[in-house]
Amino acid sequence: MRVNIIGPGKTGKFVKDFLAPEEIMHVFSNSHPPTLSKLQEADLSIVFVDGGGMTELIPLLLEAGKPVVTGSTAVTWPSELDQQLRSMKIGWIRAANFSPMVNFFFYLTRKLANSKKILGDPAAEIYEVHHITKRDKPSGTALRLAHDLSWSGVEIKAERLEDYAGIHRLTLENERERLTIEHESFSRAMYAQGAVEAARILFRSPEMVGLINYEELMYDIFDSGQ
């Protein structure tokens, strides 16, 4: 597997730690932007840039005609992208979060979606905190939790502090009891590791085409108990 790394920033810089030296083709940054010819030299690209950057990259990545794995959030995804990728027989994997534990958090939250009444009709609050340079607020993970819970009136609180890799907390509370589920990241390296593992799955599975949500892959794994 030959990989291009696009965006060697706070998370992207860890991607190379989970690849063998011979697997790394090119590392692209703002000062060294990707070109069509160099993108096409690799089997796929792993992208960790902000949402605006990823939105701008989509046409070039499509033209390159290679699989993509991205952890970029707040992206404006073209409505026709999934169909375009299917017609090209190419797979792109996107994730709000590549952490296995966070995806299990998503999985649990989805299980709660139809249980509001039996839980005593609790109020729901999502709290998240990240480093001060994270541009999207609330985070893609917090928005995904709210989406999977699918209750009306979910409050999301977001903070940006000095150097937090990420904390996400879901609290359900009524007048009698409180349930809290929390995930804390100690390092951004796990997001890079998850992206590389997703890239290996995609590389081994040419039948995976279209725009693929990483959490859906993880839900299947959790359901199967593997």
Protein backbone atom coordinates (compact mmCIF):
# COMPACT_ATOMS: atom_id res chain seq x y z
CA MET A 1 0.00 0.00 0.00
CA ARG A 2 1.42 3.36 -1.06
CA VAL A 3 -0.04 6.36 0.74
CA ASN A 4 -0.12 10.12 0.32
CA ILE A 5 -0.56 12.10 3.54
CA ILE A 6 -2.36 15.41 3.12
CA GLY A 7 -2.26 17.70 6.15
CA PRO A 8 0.59 16.80 8.55
CA GLY A 9 -0.84 18.96 11.34
CA LYS A 10 -1.92 18.18 14.90
CA THR A 11 -3.42 14.81 13.90
CA GLY A 12 -2.01 14.18 10.44
CA LYS A 13 1.57 14.29 11.70
CA PHE A 14 0.97 10.96 13.48
CA VAL A 15 -0.14 9.10 10.33
CA LYS A 16 3.41 8.26 9.30
CA ASP A 17 3.99 6.57 12.68
CA PHE A 18 1.59 3.79 11.64
CA LEU A 19 3.00 3.29 8.15
CA ALA A 20 6.21 1.62 7.05
CA PRO A 21 8.65 4.10 5.44
CA GLU A 22 8.20 2.45 2.05
CA GLU A 23 4.42 2.96 2.27
CA ILE A 24 4.71 6.77 2.37
CA MET A 25 4.75 8.31 -1.10
CA HIS A 26 4.29 12.05 -0.48
CA VAL A 27 3.45 14.35 2.42
CA PHE A 28 1.52 17.45 1.37
CA SER A 29 0.97 20.64 3.35
CA ASN A 30 0.01 24.28 2.76
CA SER A 31 3.58 25.01 1.70
CA HIS A 32 3.77 21.85 -0.40
CA PRO A 33 0.30 21.37 -1.92
CA PRO A 34 -0.74 18.19 -3.73
CA THR A 35 -0.58 17.94 -7.51
CA LEU A 36 -2.57 15.64 -9.75
CA SER A 37 0.44 13.66 -10.94
CA LYS A 38 1.78 13.05 -7.44
CA LEU A 39 -1.65 12.08 -6.09
CA GLN A 40 -1.86 9.47 -8.82
CA GLU A 41 1.48 7.92 -7.82
CA ALA A 42 -0.03 6.51 -4.60
CA ASP A 43 -2.71 3.87 -4.06
CA LEU A 44 -4.72 6.22 -1.84
CA SER A 45 -4.59 9.41 0.21
CA ILE A 46 -5.17 9.99 3.92
CA VAL A 47 -6.41 13.53 4.55
CA PHE A 48 -6.49 15.51 7.80
CA VAL A 49 -7.22 19.13 6.92
CA ASP A 50 -9.95 21.50 8.06
CA GLY A 51 -13.40 21.39 6.51
CA GLY A 52 -12.79 24.26 4.10
CA GLY A 53 -9.53 22.73 2.94
CA MET A 54 -11.16 19.35 2.32
CA THR A 55 -14.04 20.98 0.44
CA GLU A 56 -11.53 22.67 -1.86
CA LEU A 57 -9.58 19.43 -2.36
CA ILE A 58 -12.56 17.32 -3.47
CA PRO A 59 -12.36 18.16 -7.21
CA LEU A 60 -8.62 17.42 -7.36
CA LEU A 61 -8.98 14.18 -5.40
CA LEU A 62 -11.81 13.11 -7.71
CA GLU A 63 -9.71 13.87 -10.76
CA ALA A 64 -6.87 11.78 -9.32
CA GLY A 65 -9.25 8.82 -9.27
CA LYS A 66 -7.83 7.19 -6.14
CA PRO A 67 -9.42 6.06 -2.85
CA VAL A 68 -9.43 8.57 0.02
CA VAL A 69 -9.66 8.28 3.80
CA THR A 70 -10.42 11.52 5.62
CA GLY A 71 -11.00 12.65 9.18
CA SER A 72 -11.90 16.19 8.09
CA THR A 73 -15.09 17.58 9.63
CA ALA A 74 -17.34 20.52 8.71
CA VAL A 75 -16.90 19.59 5.04
CA THR A 76 -19.37 20.70 2.38
CA TRP A 77 -19.93 17.37 0.66
CA PRO A 78 -21.34 17.62 -2.90
CA SER A 79 -24.72 15.89 -3.08
CA GLU A 80 -23.67 13.92 -6.16
CA LEU A 81 -20.32 12.73 -4.74
CA ASP A 82 -21.48 9.27 -3.66
CA GLN A 83 -22.88 8.53 -7.12
CA GLN A 84 -19.76 9.90 -8.81
CA LEU A 85 -17.54 7.62 -6.75
CA ARG A 86 -19.76 4.62 -7.43
CA SER A 87 -19.63 5.26 -11.16
CA MET A 88 -15.82 5.48 -10.92
CA LYS A 89 -15.74 2.30 -8.76
CA ILE A 90 -13.78 4.13 -6.06
CA GLY A 91 -14.31 4.22 -2.30
CA TRP A 92 -13.81 7.17 0.02
CA ILE A 93 -14.10 6.68 3.79
CA ARG A 94 -14.99 9.68 5.94
CA ALA A 95 -15.21 9.79 9.72
CA ALA A 96 -16.30 12.25 12.36
CA ASN A 97 -13.85 10.35 14.56
CA PHE A 98 -11.53 7.38 13.89
CA SER A 99 -11.26 6.28 17.53
CA PRO A 100 -12.73 2.78 18.11
CA MET A 101 -13.94 3.82 21.58
CA VAL A 102 -15.63 6.95 20.24
CA ASN A 103 -17.34 4.84 17.59
CA PHE A 104 -18.57 2.54 20.36
CA PHE A 105 -19.88 5.71 22.04
CA PHE A 106 -21.77 6.46 18.80
CA TYR A 107 -23.06 2.89 18.80
CA LEU A 108 -24.38 3.16 22.37
CA THR A 109 -25.95 6.52 21.62
CA ARG A 110 -27.78 5.10 18.63
CA LYS A 111 -29.12 2.33 20.89
CA LEU A 112 -30.54 5.03 23.19
CA ALA A 113 -32.41 6.74 20.38
CA ASN A 114 -35.69 4.85 20.88
CA SER A 115 -35.45 4.59 24.67
CA LYS A 116 -36.33 8.08 25.84
CA LYS A 117 -39.70 7.14 27.32
CA ILE A 118 -38.50 4.05 29.19
CA LEU A 119 -35.58 6.09 30.60
CA GLY A 120 -38.01 8.53 32.18
CA ASP A 121 -37.97 11.22 29.49
CA PRO A 122 -34.61 12.71 30.55
CA ALA A 123 -33.07 15.92 29.29
CA ALA A 124 -29.95 15.36 27.18
CA GLU A 125 -26.78 17.44 27.11
CA ILE A 126 -23.62 16.93 25.09
CA TYR A 127 -20.44 18.64 26.27
CA GLU A 128 -17.18 18.71 24.32
CA VAL A 129 -13.80 20.39 24.77
CA HIS A 130 -10.85 20.56 22.35
CA HIS A 131 -7.65 22.51 21.77
CA ILE A 132 -7.97 26.21 21.02
CA THR A 133 -6.88 25.85 17.38
CA LYS A 134 -9.74 23.51 16.45
CA ARG A 135 -11.86 25.54 14.07
CA ASP A 136 -15.19 23.73 14.03
CA LYS A 137 -17.36 24.30 17.10
CA PRO A 138 -19.15 22.16 18.12
CA SER A 139 -17.01 19.27 16.96
CA GLY A 140 -18.08 16.79 14.32
CA THR A 141 -18.13 14.12 17.02
CA ALA A 142 -20.57 16.12 19.17
CA LEU A 143 -22.81 16.71 16.17
CA ARG A 144 -22.68 13.00 15.35
CA LEU A 145 -23.69 12.09 18.91
CA ALA A 146 -26.67 14.45 18.69
CA HIS A 147 -27.59 13.02 15.29
CA ASP A 148 -27.43 9.42 16.53
CA LEU A 149 -29.41 10.21 19.68
CA SER A 150 -32.04 11.91 17.48
CA TRP A 151 -33.93 13.45 20.41
CA SER A 152 -35.39 16.92 20.15
CA GLY A 153 -33.98 19.62 22.40
CA VAL A 154 -30.47 18.17 22.82
CA GLU A 155 -28.19 20.91 24.17
CA ILE A 156 -24.59 20.97 22.92
CA LYS A 157 -21.96 22.89 24.88
CA ALA A 158 -18.49 23.37 23.42
CA GLU A 159 -15.28 24.83 24.83
CA ARG A 160 -11.85 25.49 23.35
CA LEU A 161 -9.04 25.33 25.92
CA GLU A 162 -5.26 25.26 25.76
CA ASP A 163 -4.30 21.74 24.66
CA TYR A 164 -7.03 19.13 24.88
CA ALA A 165 -7.00 16.19 22.49
CA GLY A 166 -10.73 15.85 23.08
CA ILE A 167 -13.40 15.18 25.69
CA HIS A 168 -16.99 14.25 24.83
CA ARG A 169 -19.66 13.72 27.46
CA LEU A 170 -23.31 12.76 27.08
CA THR A 171 -25.50 13.37 30.13
CA LEU A 172 -29.10 12.18 30.47
CA GLU A 173 -30.88 13.51 33.54
CA ASN A 174 -34.38 13.60 35.00
CA GLU A 175 -35.56 14.53 38.49
CA ARG A 176 -34.64 11.10 39.89
CA GLU A 177 -31.34 10.05 38.30
CA ARG A 178 -28.48 10.87 35.96
CA LEU A 179 -26.59 8.82 33.37
CA THR A 180 -23.21 10.04 32.08
CA ILE A 181 -21.16 8.53 29.26
CA GLU A 182 -17.77 10.17 28.67
CA HIS A 183 -14.81 9.63 26.39
CA GLU A 184 -11.47 11.38 26.82
CA SER A 185 -8.63 11.29 24.31
CA PHE A 186 -5.09 11.38 25.68
CA SER A 187 -3.41 11.63 22.29
CA ARG A 188 -4.41 12.46 18.73
CA ALA A 189 -2.30 9.52 17.57
CA MET A 190 -5.27 7.16 17.92
CA TYR A 191 -7.19 9.11 15.26
CA ALA A 192 -4.27 8.67 12.87
CA GLN A 193 -4.02 4.98 13.73
CA GLY A 194 -7.73 4.51 13.02
CA ALA A 195 -7.37 6.28 9.68
CA VAL A 196 -4.49 4.02 8.66
CA GLU A 197 -6.48 0.93 9.66
CA ALA A 198 -9.41 2.22 7.59
CA ALA A 199 -7.03 2.78 4.67
CA ARG A 200 -5.83 -0.82 4.90
CA ILE A 201 -9.43 -2.06 4.87
CA LEU A 202 -10.19 0.08 1.83
CA PHE A 203 -7.02 -1.03 0.04
CA ARG A 204 -7.90 -4.71 0.59
CA SER A 205 -11.54 -4.23 -0.42
CA PRO A 206 -11.91 -2.89 -3.97
CA GLU A 207 -15.62 -3.77 -3.79
CA MET A 208 -16.09 -0.91 -1.29
CA VAL A 209 -17.20 2.00 -3.46
CA GLY A 210 -18.99 5.28 -2.92
CA LEU A 211 -18.86 7.65 0.04
CA ILE A 212 -18.58 5.41 3.10
CA ASN A 213 -19.18 6.45 6.70
CA TYR A 214 -16.57 4.86 8.97
CA GLU A 215 -18.99 4.57 11.87
CA GLU A 216 -21.28 2.35 9.79
CA LEU A 217 -18.37 -0.06 9.29
CA MET A 218 -17.73 -0.04 13.03
CA TYR A 219 -21.41 -0.61 13.86
CA ASP A 220 -21.32 -3.80 11.80
CA ILE A 221 -18.25 -4.95 13.74
CA PHE A 222 -19.87 -4.18 17.11
CA ASP A 223 -23.05 -6.00 16.09
CA SER A 224 -21.08 -9.06 14.99
CA GLY A 225 -19.04 -9.10 18.21
CA GLN A 226 -15.79 -9.61 16.29
